[in-house]
Amino acid sequence: METRAESGTAQRQPSQRKTDPSSPQLLERTFAVLALFTSDRKEWTTTQIGRECDLPVPTTYRILAALERHGFVVRDEITKRFRLGPAALALGRNAEASTDLRTVAMPVLQRLCTQTGETSLLVVPSDDRVGTICLERVESPQSLRLSVQPGRLLPFHAGAQQKALLAFMRADEIERVLAGPLEKLCKATIDDPALLRQELELIRRRGWARSFEETNLGVWGIAMTLLDDQGVAVASIGIAGPRARLERSTLSNWLKLVHSGAEEVASQMRLHCSCTAARADGQAATEAV
């Protein structure tokens, strides 16, 4: 849709961005503001935004202030014009990545399953960012195995795949999860905010997450995170299996295999692997489990 002409004498065209009085006002108006930023019109002043969206000046200021606080818009200090910020750009990249992520990751998941004999998983944040979704998995060929259905929703605080995502999410999203509630899914689920905060710091330092009986009895997992250019989680990739086959001597090798697989997916998707980032910072990414 073309934007309104700048000239005060130009005839205003009917706009689909006008707020429907019967719909939630705040969301409608915020989405209308964000929709103005296109490849043809990347910058707007506060006055222009208010006029285009038929918003009162105070309302326009409040919406822009909220979007700026969360990084969805930034304002040029010289021109005073707004443009999309890093959070909006990251959201766009994440949406693009999710479209192709399953296709790119599937050969890696299949190889990880063959190499380790365990179930391999690709997990992403849900669209509403309130939990995680299993985007894809390749199940172990062994009779005793972890079975996870794609599309299953799990909370951020329980399990290696989920914690690997949470550790690299935006600060406000992490604080929202820490504020609870933290449901006790299994006997080892971390339901104490202080302990969970420590766990997330450890994951960020070493670049990978582990779990044992946090979501199901007798189930363990290890996972690494795929990050965008801002260091925010896009997906996690890892393996999980039953306690009966858990051997400390094999974990170091499995971590290397997961790291190699995560790096392969990251390179094709123009993303970054959390384990590689931790090594770049001098951390022992494959320290003893």
Foldseek 3Di string as FASTA:
>chain_A
DDFDDPDPPDDDDDDPLEDDPVDDPVVSLLVSLLVVDDPVHFKDALVSSCVRHVHDSVSSVVSVVVCVVVFQWDADPPVRIIGGGPVVVVVVLLVVCVVCLCVQQVVLQVVLCVVPLAKKWKKFQPPVNQWIFTQDIDGRPDPFYDDDDGGDTDHQQFAFFSLQQLLQADPVSVVVPLVDCQDQQFDPGDRHSVVSVVQSVVCLQQFKGKDAGRHHHQKIWIWGFWAAPVRHGSIIIIGMTGNVPDDQVCQLVSVVSRQVSSCSSCVVSVTDISNVVNVVVVGNNSPRD
